[in-house]
Amino acid sequence: MSDDRNDRQGARLALVTGASRGLGAALAEALAARGYHVLAVARTVGGLEELDDRIRAAGGTATLAPMDVTDASAMQRLAESILERWGGLELWAHCAIHAAPLSPVPHIDGKDWAKSLLLNVEIVRGLIALLEPALRLRQGTALFFEDARAGSKFFGSYGATKAAQIALARSWQAETARTGPRVVIDSPAPMPTAVRARFFPGEDRAGLTPCASEAERILTAL
């Protein structure tokens, strides 16, 4: 992780997994504008550096963590770093997703199915286990995003694994309702993201809600 002079115990910390573009990047910028120190995780170094430039230009601070969330040892180090360097976590927004190509169910590619299960379900289970201690320390909030694609034609791989992710989050939400951390599940409006462009390549994007607008709505609701 790249160092930042604002890394310190007691700083209000927001972790965004999948922060290099789309809603994740918009949330990172909006959180920094609200005074959070943002820990931005993504595989795309260039996207993270551009995000950092925008955050700093607006007067905010961030620490970049160019990591693959499917790397279990890297995620273990990340969780340990959050406790050691910041002493806890106020907010975790999970925006990392694998959008498998659309396909009829009988023709779902085995590799795409396995990757969808790994990134959309198994990694989320692992991150919940790793990050819950840091969230508990500050009675923090974990934020997940629901998608209504489950059961839609050709969305078998994405829809099934995204639904499983949200089912996991809802169970955690019910389990921690009295004790914390708080678990919030939001249903964003359609946005002009790269994931949506893969699903609807010919769509008129002019009528979609900007990611920045959705980020502001989500954080205001929190």
Protein backbone atom coordinates (compact mmCIF):
# COMPACT_ATOMS: atom_id res chain seq x y z
CA MET A 1 0.00 0.00 0.00
CA SER A 2 1.22 3.51 -0.77
CA ASP A 3 1.84 5.57 2.36
CA ASP A 4 -0.03 8.74 3.26
CA ARG A 5 0.86 11.20 6.02
CA ASN A 6 -2.73 10.94 7.29
CA ASP A 7 -2.35 7.23 8.14
CA ARG A 8 -2.78 7.24 11.90
CA GLN A 9 -4.68 5.65 14.75
CA GLY A 10 -8.04 7.31 15.22
CA ALA A 11 -8.56 8.59 11.67
CA ARG A 12 -12.04 8.08 10.26
CA LEU A 13 -11.39 5.35 7.74
CA ALA A 14 -13.50 4.18 4.81
CA LEU A 15 -12.48 1.09 2.84
CA VAL A 16 -13.75 0.80 -0.73
CA THR A 17 -13.12 -2.52 -2.47
CA GLY A 18 -13.43 -2.09 -6.23
CA ALA A 19 -12.55 1.60 -6.05
CA SER A 20 -10.89 2.29 -9.40
CA ARG A 21 -14.00 3.09 -11.43
CA GLY A 22 -17.78 3.30 -11.50
CA LEU A 23 -19.72 3.51 -8.26
CA GLY A 24 -16.68 2.48 -6.21
CA ALA A 25 -14.65 5.45 -7.43
CA ALA A 26 -17.60 7.81 -6.96
CA LEU A 27 -18.10 6.59 -3.39
CA ALA A 28 -14.40 7.00 -2.65
CA GLU A 29 -14.46 10.61 -3.84
CA ALA A 30 -17.66 11.41 -1.95
CA LEU A 31 -16.32 9.85 1.25
CA ALA A 32 -13.07 11.80 1.01
CA ALA A 33 -15.11 14.98 0.56
CA ARG A 34 -16.90 14.11 3.82
CA GLY A 35 -13.61 13.98 5.72
CA TYR A 36 -12.89 10.25 5.62
CA HIS A 37 -9.46 8.93 4.87
CA VAL A 38 -10.17 6.52 2.01
CA LEU A 39 -8.43 3.18 1.66
CA ALA A 40 -8.97 2.42 -2.02
CA VAL A 41 -8.55 -1.19 -3.18
CA ALA A 42 -8.52 -2.31 -6.81
CA ARG A 43 -6.33 -4.18 -9.28
CA THR A 44 -6.03 -1.28 -11.75
CA VAL A 45 -3.11 0.88 -10.66
CA GLY A 46 -3.80 3.60 -13.24
CA GLY A 47 -7.41 3.91 -12.15
CA LEU A 48 -6.38 4.18 -8.50
CA GLU A 49 -3.80 6.86 -9.28
CA GLU A 50 -6.37 8.90 -11.19
CA LEU A 51 -8.77 8.54 -8.27
CA ASP A 52 -6.07 9.69 -5.87
CA ASP A 53 -5.38 12.75 -8.04
CA ARG A 54 -9.06 13.72 -7.96
CA ILE A 55 -9.34 13.18 -4.21
CA ARG A 56 -6.24 15.25 -3.46
CA ALA A 57 -7.28 18.00 -5.87
CA ALA A 58 -10.49 18.31 -3.85
CA GLY A 59 -8.58 18.48 -0.56
CA GLY A 60 -9.12 14.88 0.57
CA THR A 61 -6.73 12.07 1.45
CA ALA A 62 -6.42 8.47 0.39
CA THR A 63 -4.20 5.43 0.67
CA LEU A 64 -3.97 3.32 -2.46
CA ALA A 65 -3.96 -0.46 -2.16
CA PRO A 66 -3.41 -2.00 -5.63
CA MET A 67 -4.48 -5.51 -4.68
CA ASP A 68 -6.50 -8.35 -6.12
CA VAL A 69 -9.29 -9.19 -3.68
CA THR A 70 -9.02 -12.85 -4.74
CA ASP A 71 -5.52 -12.96 -3.20
CA ALA A 72 -6.26 -14.31 0.28
CA SER A 73 -2.85 -13.43 1.73
CA ALA A 74 -3.12 -9.86 0.42
CA MET A 75 -6.56 -9.47 2.01
CA GLN A 76 -5.19 -10.84 5.29
CA ARG A 77 -2.43 -8.23 5.23
CA LEU A 78 -4.98 -5.54 4.41
CA ALA A 79 -7.13 -6.44 7.41
CA GLU A 80 -4.07 -6.49 9.70
CA SER A 81 -2.94 -3.12 8.35
CA ILE A 82 -6.34 -1.57 9.07
CA LEU A 83 -6.05 -2.58 12.72
CA GLU A 84 -2.37 -1.66 13.09
CA ARG A 85 -2.34 1.66 11.21
CA TRP A 86 -5.85 2.99 11.80
CA GLY A 87 -7.17 1.08 14.80
CA GLY A 88 -10.52 0.28 13.27
CA LEU A 89 -12.86 0.91 10.36
CA GLU A 90 -15.92 3.16 10.09
CA LEU A 91 -17.18 2.06 6.69
CA TRP A 92 -16.60 -0.73 4.20
CA ALA A 93 -18.24 -0.33 0.78
CA HIS A 94 -17.93 -3.44 -1.35
CA CYS A 95 -18.06 -2.63 -5.08
CA ALA A 96 -15.87 -5.37 -6.56
CA ILE A 97 -17.81 -7.70 -8.85
CA HIS A 98 -17.24 -10.19 -11.65
CA ALA A 99 -19.67 -9.70 -14.51
CA ALA A 100 -19.58 -12.91 -16.52
CA PRO A 101 -20.67 -12.73 -20.17
CA LEU A 102 -24.38 -13.19 -20.79
CA SER A 103 -25.22 -16.76 -21.70
CA PRO A 104 -28.07 -19.26 -21.71
CA VAL A 105 -27.80 -21.41 -18.59
CA PRO A 106 -26.86 -24.62 -20.45
CA HIS A 107 -23.96 -22.80 -22.10
CA ILE A 108 -22.44 -21.02 -19.07
CA ASP A 109 -18.67 -21.33 -19.35
CA GLY A 110 -17.16 -23.32 -16.49
CA LYS A 111 -14.29 -20.89 -15.95
CA ASP A 112 -16.63 -17.89 -15.87
CA TRP A 113 -18.90 -19.70 -13.43
CA ALA A 114 -15.98 -20.54 -11.15
CA LYS A 115 -14.68 -16.97 -11.27
CA SER A 116 -18.16 -15.62 -10.51
CA LEU A 117 -18.48 -17.90 -7.49
CA LEU A 118 -15.02 -16.92 -6.27
CA LEU A 119 -15.29 -13.16 -6.64
CA ASN A 120 -18.99 -12.62 -6.00
CA VAL A 121 -19.51 -15.10 -3.16
CA GLU A 122 -16.43 -16.74 -1.63
CA ILE A 123 -14.33 -13.57 -1.49
CA VAL A 124 -17.18 -11.70 0.18
CA ARG A 125 -17.47 -14.41 2.83
CA GLY A 126 -13.75 -14.16 3.48
CA LEU A 127 -13.74 -10.36 3.63
CA ILE A 128 -16.63 -10.33 6.09
CA ALA A 129 -14.65 -12.59 8.41
CA LEU A 130 -11.48 -10.51 8.04
CA LEU A 131 -13.07 -7.06 8.39
CA GLU A 132 -15.69 -7.64 11.05
CA PRO A 133 -13.21 -7.12 13.95
CA ALA A 134 -12.15 -3.70 12.61
CA LEU A 135 -15.77 -2.70 11.99
CA ARG A 136 -16.81 -3.81 15.49
CA LEU A 137 -14.12 -1.65 17.09
CA ARG A 138 -15.80 1.50 15.76
CA GLN A 139 -19.38 0.24 15.39
CA GLY A 140 -18.88 0.65 11.67
CA THR A 141 -21.04 -0.02 8.65
CA ALA A 142 -20.67 -2.55 5.83
CA LEU A 143 -22.33 -1.53 2.58
CA PHE A 144 -23.40 -3.93 -0.18
CA PHE A 145 -25.26 -3.36 -3.42
CA GLU A 146 -28.18 -5.42 -4.65
CA ASP A 147 -28.96 -6.08 -8.30
CA ALA A 148 -32.31 -7.33 -9.57
CA ARG A 149 -30.80 -9.51 -12.33
CA ALA A 150 -31.34 -12.81 -10.49
CA GLY A 151 -33.68 -14.94 -12.58
CA SER A 152 -33.44 -12.78 -15.71
CA LYS A 153 -32.73 -14.60 -18.95
CA PHE A 154 -29.05 -14.92 -19.86
CA PHE A 155 -27.98 -13.58 -16.42
CA GLY A 156 -27.59 -17.04 -14.87
CA SER A 157 -23.95 -16.72 -13.80
CA TYR A 158 -24.01 -13.11 -12.66
CA GLY A 159 -27.54 -13.21 -11.25
CA ALA A 160 -27.11 -16.41 -9.24
CA THR A 161 -23.81 -15.42 -7.65
CA LYS A 162 -24.86 -11.83 -6.97
CA ALA A 163 -28.04 -13.13 -5.31
CA ALA A 164 -25.92 -15.48 -3.20
CA GLN A 165 -23.72 -12.56 -2.16
CA ILE A 166 -26.73 -10.55 -1.01
CA ALA A 167 -28.21 -13.57 0.80
CA LEU A 168 -24.92 -13.81 2.71
CA ALA A 169 -25.04 -10.10 3.52
CA ARG A 170 -28.67 -10.34 4.68
CA SER A 171 -27.80 -13.18 7.06
CA TRP A 172 -24.94 -11.11 8.50
CA GLN A 173 -27.30 -8.14 8.74
CA ALA A 174 -29.80 -10.16 10.78
CA GLU A 175 -27.10 -11.60 13.01
CA THR A 176 -25.62 -8.20 13.88
CA ALA A 177 -28.83 -6.15 14.15
CA ARG A 178 -28.42 -5.79 17.94
CA THR A 179 -24.67 -5.98 18.31
CA GLY A 180 -23.23 -4.34 15.19
CA PRO A 181 -21.52 -3.78 12.89
CA ARG A 182 -24.38 -2.33 10.88
CA VAL A 183 -24.95 -3.98 7.50
CA VAL A 184 -26.69 -1.90 4.82
CA ILE A 185 -27.88 -3.25 1.46
CA ASP A 186 -28.68 -0.64 -1.17
CA SER A 187 -30.29 -0.96 -4.60
CA PRO A 188 -28.63 1.64 -6.85
CA ALA A 189 -30.33 3.14 -9.87
CA PRO A 190 -28.97 2.10 -13.30
CA MET A 191 -25.67 3.89 -13.86
CA PRO A 192 -23.33 4.24 -16.89
CA THR A 193 -20.73 1.81 -15.54
CA ALA A 194 -18.41 -0.53 -17.40
CA VAL A 195 -20.29 -3.52 -16.00
CA ARG A 196 -23.61 -2.25 -17.34
CA ALA A 197 -22.02 -1.50 -20.72
CA ARG A 198 -21.00 -5.15 -20.98
CA PHE A 199 -24.57 -6.24 -20.36
CA PHE A 200 -26.27 -3.58 -22.51
CA PRO A 201 -23.73 -2.47 -25.13
CA GLY A 202 -26.19 -0.56 -27.32
CA GLU A 203 -27.99 1.24 -24.52
CA ASP A 204 -28.52 5.00 -24.59
CA ARG A 205 -26.49 6.02 -21.55
CA ALA A 206 -27.88 9.56 -21.47
CA GLY A 207 -30.84 8.47 -19.38
CA LEU A 208 -28.77 6.66 -16.73
CA THR A 209 -28.04 8.12 -13.30
CA PRO A 210 -24.48 9.44 -12.89
CA CYS A 211 -22.37 7.44 -10.45
CA ALA A 212 -21.56 10.60 -8.49
CA SER A 213 -25.26 11.30 -7.96
CA GLU A 214 -25.89 7.77 -6.70
CA ALA A 215 -22.88 7.96 -4.39
CA GLU A 216 -24.23 11.16 -2.83
CA ARG A 217 -27.69 9.59 -2.39
CA ILE A 218 -26.28 6.46 -0.79
CA LEU A 219 -24.05 8.27 1.67
CA THR A 220 -26.76 10.78 2.57
CA ALA A 221 -29.08 7.87 3.35
CA LEU A 222 -26.43 6.35 5.63
